[in-house]
Amino acid sequence: MTAHRLLAMTAPLREDFVIGHHDIGDAVRPPRLALVGGIHGDELTGIFVLSRLAHFLTGVVAGRHPGHRLRERVVIVPAVNVLGVNVRSRRWPFDGTDINRMFPGYDAGETTQRIAHAVFALTRTAYYRVDVHSSNLDFEEVPQVRLYAPEPAERATAPLFGLPAIIELRMNAVYTTTIHHAWRQAPGENFVLQAGHAGVLDPATCDRLFRALVTFVQRAGILVGSRIATEDDEVHYFGPDQTVPLISAHAGFFVTRLEVGRWVQAGDVIGQVFDGFDGTLRHEVHTPVAGMLSGVRRQPLLFEGDLVARIQTRQPTPLHVQTHLTGQGQ
């Protein structure tokens, strides 16, 4: 049995609830890998994929996958915000707090501080630590590895996931109480995986992320045996000055037929903005640069100044703008 209680808490007018985790492998050894999902309760992709990964690794230990062996201990918290998941809320439902603004937590504090403390205490001793996110309800992201002011070892490890984009960003100077910030206090390597958008489960995105995690545990030497995952996408590394956000100059209904991960040329149309009353075309959104469409808006209702898309360029560009508050899922 790999399921364990991370934290048990009471509620005013419902049964007590438990935040569970999987502890797979030799419990005597420190974990080699820790994975966390569902810090935001509406980010379903990470919860679903981590539950599948736990099932697969548990099957390896139980001998249901002959020829494979788990060499290292792995801990997985599929859903941190368990109440938020049940009511499809991004934040903790009782007080509206964002659990990813509570790390490293406080064991004698408010509810979300106690949750953050328990998650951090469980995961901090792992060498590899992975925080799995979707974007928000408005924005879809290509499956990617995010590195925040990375160490050289993290840059070298990131391609092991085999995801199509590795995006390096400067450390966020505003949000300093995320789990990623807290993990940086401990030795080891830290990664944020971003894929899809909140509130939905896209089977293709889930399958791609699951394959990436299985690929990683094999390449990192945590799981040994024949290769299970399919071949990688072509992996592209984008530095901190290779991200260009496209910001809307008009309000209206935004319509796009483009899929994330495709390559666009300077001047290509990303989408159109239509008037919500008379249906006229108000504006065409063109990309000023060539690159990978790493993210695009899926919420059609658009205000002036909203993020419409994000382009990753092959070379650094002076058009780079800091938009860390917009559509990043963190």
Protein backbone atom coordinates (compact mmCIF):
# COMPACT_ATOMS: atom_id res chain seq x y z
CA MET A 1 0.00 0.00 0.00
CA THR A 2 1.56 3.33 -1.05
CA ALA A 3 -1.22 5.70 0.07
CA HIS A 4 -0.48 7.66 3.23
CA ARG A 5 -1.98 10.56 5.14
CA LEU A 6 -0.04 13.74 4.69
CA LEU A 7 -2.44 15.81 6.76
CA ALA A 8 -5.87 15.11 8.31
CA MET A 9 -8.14 18.03 9.19
CA THR A 10 -11.66 18.64 10.41
CA ALA A 11 -14.39 20.73 8.79
CA PRO A 12 -17.38 22.54 10.37
CA LEU A 13 -20.32 20.72 8.77
CA ARG A 14 -18.92 17.82 6.80
CA GLU A 15 -16.80 14.76 7.43
CA ASP A 16 -13.12 15.19 8.19
CA PHE A 17 -10.87 15.33 5.16
CA VAL A 18 -7.43 13.98 4.38
CA ILE A 19 -4.68 15.17 2.08
CA GLY A 20 -3.05 11.99 0.91
CA HIS A 21 0.22 11.13 -0.74
CA HIS A 22 1.93 8.11 -2.27
CA ASP A 23 5.24 6.88 -0.86
CA ILE A 24 6.66 4.37 -3.33
CA GLY A 25 9.89 2.45 -2.90
CA ASP A 26 12.29 1.92 -0.02
CA ALA A 27 10.96 4.11 2.81
CA VAL A 28 14.28 3.88 4.66
CA ARG A 29 16.03 5.97 2.02
CA PRO A 30 15.39 9.67 1.37
CA PRO A 31 13.16 10.20 -1.68
CA ARG A 32 14.99 10.76 -4.93
CA LEU A 33 11.97 12.39 -6.56
CA ALA A 34 9.01 14.34 -5.18
CA LEU A 35 6.09 15.43 -7.36
CA VAL A 36 3.29 17.79 -6.35
CA GLY A 37 0.06 18.63 -8.19
CA GLY A 38 -3.25 20.27 -7.50
CA ILE A 39 -1.96 23.17 -5.43
CA HIS A 40 -4.65 25.01 -7.37
CA GLY A 41 -7.90 23.08 -7.22
CA ASP A 42 -8.96 23.81 -10.79
CA GLU A 43 -5.75 22.48 -12.37
CA LEU A 44 -6.95 18.98 -13.17
CA THR A 45 -4.26 17.88 -15.60
CA GLY A 46 -1.53 17.51 -12.99
CA ILE A 47 -3.83 15.71 -10.55
CA PHE A 48 -4.91 13.19 -13.17
CA VAL A 49 -1.41 12.59 -14.53
CA LEU A 50 0.21 12.20 -11.10
CA SER A 51 -2.47 9.74 -10.02
CA ARG A 52 -1.72 7.69 -13.16
CA LEU A 53 2.01 7.86 -12.46
CA ALA A 54 1.47 6.66 -8.88
CA HIS A 55 -0.61 3.75 -10.19
CA PHE A 56 2.09 2.82 -12.69
CA LEU A 57 4.99 2.99 -10.21
CA THR A 58 2.98 1.07 -7.60
CA GLY A 59 2.42 -1.58 -10.25
CA VAL A 60 6.15 -1.77 -10.89
CA VAL A 61 6.82 -2.39 -7.19
CA ALA A 62 4.04 -5.00 -7.09
CA GLY A 63 5.53 -6.83 -10.06
CA ARG A 64 2.77 -6.03 -12.54
CA HIS A 65 5.30 -4.67 -15.06
CA PRO A 66 7.87 -7.45 -15.55
CA GLY A 67 11.29 -6.27 -16.56
CA HIS A 68 11.03 -2.98 -14.66
CA ARG A 69 12.38 -2.14 -11.24
CA LEU A 70 12.08 0.96 -9.10
CA ARG A 71 15.55 1.78 -7.80
CA GLU A 72 14.73 4.91 -5.83
CA ARG A 73 12.01 6.17 -3.52
CA VAL A 74 9.36 8.47 -5.04
CA VAL A 75 6.78 10.56 -3.16
CA ILE A 76 3.75 11.95 -4.98
CA VAL A 77 1.08 14.37 -3.77
CA PRO A 78 -1.49 14.34 -6.59
CA ALA A 79 -3.82 16.95 -5.05
CA VAL A 80 -2.80 19.45 -2.39
CA ASN A 81 -5.95 21.58 -2.51
CA VAL A 82 -8.36 18.68 -1.97
CA LEU A 83 -11.33 20.83 -1.02
CA GLY A 84 -10.74 23.16 -3.93
CA VAL A 85 -10.79 20.20 -6.33
CA ASN A 86 -14.16 19.06 -5.00
CA VAL A 87 -15.79 22.43 -5.67
CA ARG A 88 -13.63 23.32 -8.72
CA SER A 89 -12.04 26.26 -6.92
CA ARG A 90 -8.53 27.49 -7.67
CA ARG A 91 -8.12 28.77 -4.13
CA TRP A 92 -8.80 27.19 -0.74
CA PRO A 93 -12.61 27.43 -0.50
CA PHE A 94 -12.97 28.45 3.14
CA ASP A 95 -10.91 31.64 3.14
CA GLY A 96 -10.02 32.21 -0.53
CA THR A 97 -6.28 31.94 0.01
CA ASP A 98 -3.87 30.67 -2.64
CA ILE A 99 -1.89 27.78 -1.15
CA ASN A 100 1.00 28.60 -3.49
CA ARG A 101 1.43 31.86 -1.59
CA MET A 102 1.89 30.09 1.77
CA PHE A 103 5.22 28.28 1.51
CA PRO A 104 7.26 27.18 3.37
CA GLY A 105 4.25 27.18 5.67
CA TYR A 106 3.81 27.16 9.43
CA ASP A 107 2.71 24.09 11.38
CA ALA A 108 0.83 26.10 13.99
CA GLY A 109 -0.69 28.62 11.60
CA GLU A 110 -3.84 28.99 9.54
CA THR A 111 -5.18 26.02 7.58
CA THR A 112 -3.36 26.75 4.32
CA GLN A 113 -0.13 27.52 6.19
CA ARG A 114 -0.35 24.10 7.86
CA ILE A 115 -1.00 22.43 4.51
CA ALA A 116 2.00 24.18 2.95
CA HIS A 117 4.19 23.19 5.88
CA ALA A 118 3.22 19.52 5.57
CA VAL A 119 3.81 19.45 1.80
CA PHE A 120 7.16 21.20 2.13
CA ALA A 121 8.32 18.91 4.97
CA LEU A 122 7.48 15.82 2.90
CA THR A 123 9.15 16.96 -0.32
CA ARG A 124 12.12 19.08 0.69
CA THR A 125 14.51 16.13 1.23
CA ALA A 126 14.05 14.80 -2.32
CA TYR A 127 16.85 15.56 -4.77
CA TYR A 128 14.50 16.14 -7.72
CA ARG A 129 11.38 18.21 -6.94
CA VAL A 130 8.67 18.81 -9.53
CA ASP A 131 5.65 21.12 -9.22
CA VAL A 132 3.02 20.31 -11.88
CA HIS A 133 0.67 23.08 -13.06
CA SER A 134 -1.77 23.99 -15.75
CA SER A 135 -2.29 27.60 -16.68
CA ASN A 136 -5.39 29.46 -15.51
CA LEU A 137 -8.94 29.16 -16.88
CA ASP A 138 -8.24 31.69 -19.65
CA PHE A 139 -4.97 30.48 -21.12
CA GLU A 140 -3.54 27.25 -22.57
CA GLU A 141 0.17 26.40 -22.39
CA VAL A 142 2.20 23.99 -24.50
CA PRO A 143 3.64 21.18 -22.32
CA GLN A 144 6.89 22.63 -21.03
CA VAL A 145 9.55 22.67 -18.35
CA ARG A 146 9.92 25.98 -16.54
CA LEU A 147 13.19 26.95 -14.94
CA TYR A 148 13.40 29.97 -12.65
CA ALA A 149 16.93 31.40 -12.36
CA PRO A 150 18.25 27.84 -12.74
CA GLU A 151 21.48 26.31 -11.59
CA PRO A 152 23.62 24.64 -14.30
CA ALA A 153 22.55 21.19 -13.09
CA GLU A 154 18.89 22.09 -13.64
CA ARG A 155 19.61 23.27 -17.17
CA ALA A 156 21.35 19.96 -17.86
CA THR A 157 18.52 17.87 -16.36
CA ALA A 158 15.54 19.68 -17.93
CA PRO A 159 15.86 17.95 -21.36
CA LEU A 160 15.38 14.54 -19.66
CA PHE A 161 11.62 15.17 -19.62
CA GLY A 162 11.59 15.28 -23.43
CA LEU A 163 8.97 18.04 -23.55
CA PRO A 164 8.94 20.36 -26.58
CA ALA A 165 9.83 23.56 -24.70
CA ILE A 166 12.18 24.43 -21.86
CA ILE A 167 11.53 28.01 -20.84
CA GLU A 168 13.92 29.84 -18.55
CA LEU A 169 12.51 32.76 -16.60
CA ARG A 170 13.95 35.20 -14.14
CA MET A 171 13.06 34.61 -10.52
CA ASN A 172 9.76 36.23 -9.66
CA ALA A 173 10.43 39.21 -7.40
CA VAL A 174 6.78 39.49 -6.35
CA TYR A 175 5.70 35.95 -5.50
CA THR A 176 8.40 34.74 -3.11
CA THR A 177 6.22 32.32 -1.12
CA THR A 178 5.62 29.64 -3.78
CA ILE A 179 6.68 26.04 -3.28
CA HIS A 180 9.40 26.57 -5.88
CA HIS A 181 10.92 29.40 -3.85
CA ALA A 182 10.76 27.31 -0.70
CA TRP A 183 12.42 24.31 -2.35
CA ARG A 184 15.38 26.44 -3.36
CA GLN A 185 16.36 26.59 0.31
CA ALA A 186 17.30 22.89 0.17
CA PRO A 187 19.95 21.09 -1.92
CA GLY A 188 18.66 19.53 -5.11
CA GLU A 189 17.03 20.43 -8.41
CA ASN A 190 13.63 22.09 -8.88
CA PHE A 191 11.31 22.12 -11.88
CA VAL A 192 7.88 23.45 -12.75
CA LEU A 193 6.00 21.51 -15.41
CA GLN A 194 3.27 23.51 -17.14
CA ALA A 195 0.73 21.99 -19.52
CA GLY A 196 -2.76 22.75 -20.79
CA HIS A 197 -5.17 25.03 -19.01
CA ALA A 198 -7.29 24.88 -15.89
CA GLY A 199 -10.73 23.37 -15.62
CA VAL A 200 -10.38 20.77 -18.40
CA LEU A 201 -8.72 17.44 -19.12
CA ASP A 202 -7.34 17.20 -22.63
CA PRO A 203 -6.44 13.53 -23.26
CA ALA A 204 -3.57 14.33 -25.62
CA THR A 205 -2.02 16.79 -23.15
CA CYS A 206 -2.40 14.32 -20.28
CA ASP A 207 -0.82 11.52 -22.30
CA ARG A 208 2.08 13.75 -23.32
CA LEU A 209 2.74 14.81 -19.74
CA PHE A 210 2.49 11.23 -18.44
CA ARG A 211 5.00 10.05 -21.04
CA ALA A 212 7.32 12.89 -20.04
CA LEU A 213 7.27 11.84 -16.38
CA VAL A 214 7.86 8.18 -17.20
CA THR A 215 10.68 9.23 -19.51
CA PHE A 216 12.21 11.32 -16.74
CA VAL A 217 12.16 8.59 -14.07
CA GLN A 218 13.84 6.24 -16.54
CA ARG A 219 16.51 8.69 -17.71
CA ALA A 220 17.23 9.84 -14.16
CA GLY A 221 17.91 6.23 -13.14
CA ILE A 222 14.94 6.06 -10.76
CA LEU A 223 13.23 3.36 -12.83
CA VAL A 224 15.20 0.75 -14.75
CA GLY A 225 13.92 -1.46 -17.55
CA SER A 226 13.01 -1.23 -21.20
CA ARG A 227 11.92 2.13 -22.54
CA ILE A 228 8.16 2.57 -22.16
CA ALA A 229 7.55 6.09 -23.38
CA THR A 230 7.48 6.99 -27.06
CA GLU A 231 10.08 9.18 -28.73
CA ASP A 232 10.53 12.77 -27.62
CA ASP A 233 9.28 15.85 -29.32
CA GLU A 234 12.08 18.04 -30.62
CA VAL A 235 13.21 19.91 -27.52
CA HIS A 236 13.78 23.68 -27.73
CA TYR A 237 15.47 25.74 -25.01
CA PHE A 238 14.33 29.35 -24.60
CA GLY A 239 16.24 31.79 -22.42
CA PRO A 240 14.78 34.56 -20.27
CA ASP A 241 14.82 37.13 -23.13
CA GLN A 242 13.12 34.87 -25.66
CA THR A 243 9.52 35.31 -24.50
CA VAL A 244 7.25 37.84 -26.23
CA PRO A 245 3.71 38.34 -24.88
CA LEU A 246 0.98 39.60 -27.21
CA ILE A 247 -1.33 42.01 -25.39
CA SER A 248 -4.76 42.92 -26.72
CA ALA A 249 -5.34 46.49 -27.85
CA HIS A 250 -9.11 45.96 -28.10
CA ALA A 251 -11.95 44.40 -26.14
CA GLY A 252 -14.39 41.95 -27.69
CA PHE A 253 -14.64 38.25 -28.54
CA PHE A 254 -11.25 36.67 -29.28
CA VAL A 255 -11.29 33.79 -31.77
CA THR A 256 -8.30 31.67 -32.74
CA ARG A 257 -7.91 28.37 -34.55
CA LEU A 258 -4.24 27.88 -33.70
CA GLU A 259 -2.90 25.10 -31.51
CA VAL A 260 -0.12 25.65 -29.00
CA GLY A 261 3.30 24.32 -29.98
CA ARG A 262 3.13 25.40 -33.63
CA TRP A 263 5.72 27.71 -35.18
CA VAL A 264 4.61 31.05 -36.58
CA GLN A 265 6.25 33.69 -38.75
CA ALA A 266 6.40 37.43 -38.08
CA GLY A 267 3.17 38.98 -39.31
CA ASP A 268 1.07 35.81 -38.99
CA VAL A 269 -2.46 36.21 -37.69
CA ILE A 270 -2.86 34.70 -34.24
CA GLY A 271 -6.56 35.46 -33.95
CA GLN A 272 -9.34 37.99 -34.48
CA VAL A 273 -11.28 40.23 -32.12
CA PHE A 274 -14.98 40.68 -32.94
CA ASP A 275 -17.43 43.20 -31.53
CA GLY A 276 -19.73 41.44 -29.07
CA PHE A 277 -22.80 43.45 -30.09
CA ASP A 278 -22.77 43.85 -33.87
CA GLY A 279 -20.32 41.08 -34.78
CA THR A 280 -17.95 43.24 -36.80
CA LEU A 281 -14.27 42.42 -36.98
CA ARG A 282 -12.57 44.99 -34.77
CA HIS A 283 -8.97 43.84 -34.87
CA GLU A 284 -6.62 41.13 -36.12
CA VAL A 285 -3.89 40.07 -33.71
CA HIS A 286 -0.58 39.63 -35.56
CA THR A 287 2.65 38.38 -34.06
CA PRO A 288 5.53 40.86 -34.46
CA VAL A 289 8.08 38.05 -34.22
CA ALA A 290 8.64 34.50 -35.47
CA GLY A 291 8.75 31.66 -32.97
CA MET A 292 6.86 28.95 -31.13
CA LEU A 293 3.32 29.67 -29.99
CA SER A 294 3.82 28.48 -26.42
CA GLY A 295 0.52 29.79 -25.08
CA VAL A 296 -2.77 31.17 -26.37
CA ARG A 297 -5.93 32.57 -24.85
CA ARG A 298 -8.91 30.17 -24.75
CA GLN A 299 -11.35 32.45 -22.91
CA PRO A 300 -13.05 34.39 -25.73
CA LEU A 301 -14.18 37.37 -23.65
CA LEU A 302 -11.38 39.85 -23.98
CA PHE A 303 -10.61 43.19 -22.35
CA GLU A 304 -8.07 45.70 -23.56
CA GLY A 305 -4.72 44.82 -22.02
CA ASP A 306 -5.40 41.08 -21.65
CA LEU A 307 -2.78 38.54 -22.59
CA VAL A 308 -3.69 36.96 -25.95
CA ALA A 309 -0.69 34.73 -26.69
CA ARG A 310 2.94 34.10 -25.86
CA ILE A 311 5.67 33.57 -28.46
CA GLN A 312 9.05 31.97 -27.76
CA THR A 313 11.68 33.31 -30.15
CA ARG A 314 14.76 31.48 -31.37
CA GLN A 315 17.01 34.38 -30.39
CA PRO A 316 16.83 37.00 -27.61
CA THR A 317 14.62 39.92 -28.56
CA PRO A 318 14.25 43.51 -27.28
CA LEU A 319 10.47 42.98 -27.36
CA HIS A 320 10.72 40.84 -24.21
CA VAL A 321 8.33 42.09 -21.52
CA GLN A 322 7.92 40.79 -17.98
CA THR A 323 4.42 39.33 -17.71
CA HIS A 324 4.92 37.02 -14.76
CA LEU A 325 1.48 37.82 -13.37
CA THR A 326 -0.40 36.80 -16.49
CA GLY A 327 -1.40 33.29 -17.48
CA GLN A 328 1.49 31.44 -15.87
CA GLY A 329 -0.47 29.22 -13.52
CA GLN A 330 1.85 29.92 -10.62
